[in-house]
């Protein structure tokens, strides 16, 4: 029984430790999110090129890229910590912090749309992929329009 209690305590400690110790300095958070977004954008862009007719449609490639997009869409938001906004192009606007609930809602919407895109790619149907890509791109744009310096 004592071993079970120790194991449960350690498990609880290790699940809260990453959240508490993610970033030592605000610039670490910025580096983190700046590392995640380009990977997501590259793979999203590959699907976009197919959806927009700039590259031949390849269902397997679209599905492989969508899988990466879904995973990467989960990462950058941990890097949005107060004190990491700026005024230069591509940086978060200060309203990320004052409107955090809306920011988080839009982030969640984007994540939901890329999951739908992933599902569409698995059908192998170009029209479904094209429609789902448009919805996912719109969700990205909505957040950028509201919370990113252009």
Protein backbone atom coordinates (compact mmCIF):
# COMPACT_ATOMS: atom_id res chain seq x y z
CA UNK A 1 0.00 0.00 0.00
CA UNK A 2 2.83 2.40 0.86
CA UNK A 3 4.48 1.75 -2.53
CA UNK A 4 1.21 2.55 -4.27
CA UNK A 5 0.95 5.83 -2.37
CA UNK A 6 4.55 6.75 -3.24
CA UNK A 7 3.95 5.88 -6.91
CA UNK A 8 0.78 7.98 -7.03
CA UNK A 9 2.55 10.91 -5.39
CA UNK A 10 5.45 10.74 -7.85
CA UNK A 11 3.07 10.46 -10.80
CA UNK A 12 1.25 13.57 -9.60
CA UNK A 13 4.50 15.44 -9.16
CA UNK A 14 5.77 14.59 -12.62
CA UNK A 15 2.53 15.54 -14.34
CA UNK A 16 2.55 19.02 -12.80
CA UNK A 17 6.29 19.62 -13.11
CA UNK A 18 6.34 20.33 -16.87
CA UNK A 19 3.63 22.98 -16.61
CA UNK A 20 5.40 24.75 -13.76
CA UNK A 21 8.87 24.62 -15.25
CA UNK A 22 8.25 24.99 -18.97
CA UNK A 23 10.01 28.28 -19.49
CA UNK A 24 12.65 29.88 -17.33
CA UNK A 25 12.50 33.19 -19.22
CA UNK A 26 9.93 34.81 -21.54
CA UNK A 27 12.37 34.57 -24.45
CA UNK A 28 12.40 30.78 -24.01
CA UNK A 29 8.64 30.78 -24.60
CA UNK A 30 9.11 32.89 -27.73
CA UNK A 31 11.77 30.52 -29.08
CA UNK A 32 9.49 27.57 -28.39
CA UNK A 33 6.49 28.90 -30.28
CA UNK A 34 8.71 30.25 -33.08
CA UNK A 35 10.09 26.74 -33.51
CA UNK A 36 6.66 25.09 -33.68
CA UNK A 37 4.89 27.39 -36.13
CA UNK A 38 7.24 27.02 -39.14
CA UNK A 39 6.97 23.23 -39.04
CA UNK A 40 3.20 23.42 -38.88
CA UNK A 41 3.10 26.05 -41.64
CA UNK A 42 5.34 24.03 -43.96
CA UNK A 43 3.17 20.93 -43.79
CA UNK A 44 -0.05 22.95 -43.93
CA UNK A 45 1.34 24.75 -46.98
CA UNK A 46 1.98 21.47 -48.75
CA UNK A 47 -1.68 20.55 -48.38
CA UNK A 48 -2.62 24.07 -49.45
CA UNK A 49 -0.59 23.78 -52.62
CA UNK A 50 -2.60 20.68 -53.53
CA UNK A 51 -5.93 22.22 -52.51
CA UNK A 52 -5.20 25.32 -54.60
CA UNK A 53 -4.02 23.38 -57.65
CA UNK A 54 -0.40 24.51 -57.40
CA UNK A 55 0.72 20.90 -56.82
CA UNK A 56 -0.79 17.63 -57.95
CA UNK A 57 -3.16 16.07 -55.43
CA UNK A 58 -1.54 13.14 -53.65
CA UNK A 59 -3.89 11.69 -51.05
CA UNK A 60 -1.14 9.84 -49.16
CA UNK A 61 1.08 12.92 -49.01
CA UNK A 62 -1.84 15.08 -47.91
CA UNK A 63 -2.67 12.62 -45.13
CA UNK A 64 0.95 12.44 -43.98
CA UNK A 65 1.22 16.23 -43.89
CA UNK A 66 -2.12 16.58 -42.09
CA UNK A 67 -0.94 14.22 -39.38
CA UNK A 68 2.03 16.48 -38.70
CA UNK A 69 -0.15 19.59 -38.77
CA UNK A 70 -2.49 18.12 -36.17
CA UNK A 71 0.37 17.27 -33.82
CA UNK A 72 2.11 20.60 -34.31
CA UNK A 73 -1.13 22.52 -33.73
CA UNK A 74 -1.02 21.38 -30.11
CA UNK A 75 2.41 22.83 -29.37
CA UNK A 76 2.80 26.58 -29.87
CA UNK A 77 0.14 27.75 -27.44
CA UNK A 78 2.17 26.80 -24.38
CA UNK A 79 4.62 29.45 -25.58
CA UNK A 80 2.10 32.26 -25.27
CA UNK A 81 3.03 33.56 -21.87
CA UNK A 82 2.42 37.08 -20.65
CA UNK A 83 5.20 39.47 -21.53
CA UNK A 84 6.00 37.89 -24.89
CA UNK A 85 4.09 40.18 -27.23
CA UNK A 86 5.70 42.74 -29.46
CA UNK A 87 5.06 45.28 -32.16
CA UNK A 88 7.01 43.77 -35.04
CA UNK A 89 5.31 41.79 -37.80
CA UNK A 90 4.37 38.26 -36.77
CA UNK A 91 4.42 38.85 -33.03
CA UNK A 92 1.38 38.53 -30.80
CA UNK A 93 -0.56 41.69 -30.09
CA UNK A 94 -0.91 42.67 -26.43
CA UNK A 95 -4.62 41.83 -26.56
CA UNK A 96 -3.68 38.13 -26.42
CA UNK A 97 -3.39 38.61 -22.65
CA UNK A 98 -6.42 40.86 -22.13
CA UNK A 99 -8.61 38.66 -24.35
CA UNK A 100 -7.05 35.31 -23.47
CA UNK A 101 -10.38 33.44 -23.45
CA UNK A 102 -11.09 34.53 -27.04
CA UNK A 103 -7.50 33.71 -28.07
CA UNK A 104 -7.78 30.24 -26.54
CA UNK A 105 -11.17 29.74 -28.20
CA UNK A 106 -9.74 30.61 -31.62
CA UNK A 107 -6.75 28.35 -31.03
CA UNK A 108 -9.11 25.50 -30.15
CA UNK A 109 -11.18 26.21 -33.27
CA UNK A 110 -8.06 25.98 -35.43
CA UNK A 111 -7.11 22.70 -33.79
CA UNK A 112 -10.60 21.32 -34.43
CA UNK A 113 -10.45 22.38 -38.07
CA UNK A 114 -7.07 20.74 -38.68
CA UNK A 115 -8.44 17.51 -37.18
CA UNK A 116 -11.29 17.77 -39.71
CA UNK A 117 -8.71 18.39 -42.42
CA UNK A 118 -6.85 15.28 -41.33
CA UNK A 119 -10.08 13.27 -41.55
CA UNK A 120 -10.76 14.67 -45.02
CA UNK A 121 -7.29 13.68 -46.24
CA UNK A 122 -7.95 10.10 -45.14
CA UNK A 123 -10.92 9.90 -47.52
CA UNK A 124 -8.69 10.53 -50.50
CA UNK A 125 -11.38 12.84 -51.89
CA UNK A 126 -9.90 16.02 -53.32
CA UNK A 127 -13.07 18.08 -52.92
CA UNK A 128 -13.34 17.16 -49.24
CA UNK A 129 -9.69 18.05 -48.67
CA UNK A 130 -10.10 21.34 -50.50
CA UNK A 131 -13.14 22.31 -48.41
CA UNK A 132 -11.55 21.26 -45.13
CA UNK A 133 -8.34 23.09 -46.02
CA UNK A 134 -10.32 26.27 -46.64
CA UNK A 135 -12.00 25.98 -43.25
CA UNK A 136 -8.71 25.34 -41.47
CA UNK A 137 -7.04 28.24 -43.27
CA UNK A 138 -9.95 30.47 -42.28
CA UNK A 139 -9.53 29.48 -38.65
CA UNK A 140 -5.83 30.36 -38.80
CA UNK A 141 -6.60 33.68 -40.47
CA UNK A 142 -9.23 34.56 -37.89
CA UNK A 143 -6.72 34.26 -35.07
CA UNK A 144 -4.02 36.09 -37.05
CA UNK A 145 -6.42 38.93 -37.86
CA UNK A 146 -7.33 39.36 -34.20
CA UNK A 147 -4.11 38.60 -32.36
CA UNK A 148 -1.07 38.88 -34.64
CA UNK A 149 0.77 41.99 -35.76
CA UNK A 150 0.55 42.14 -39.55
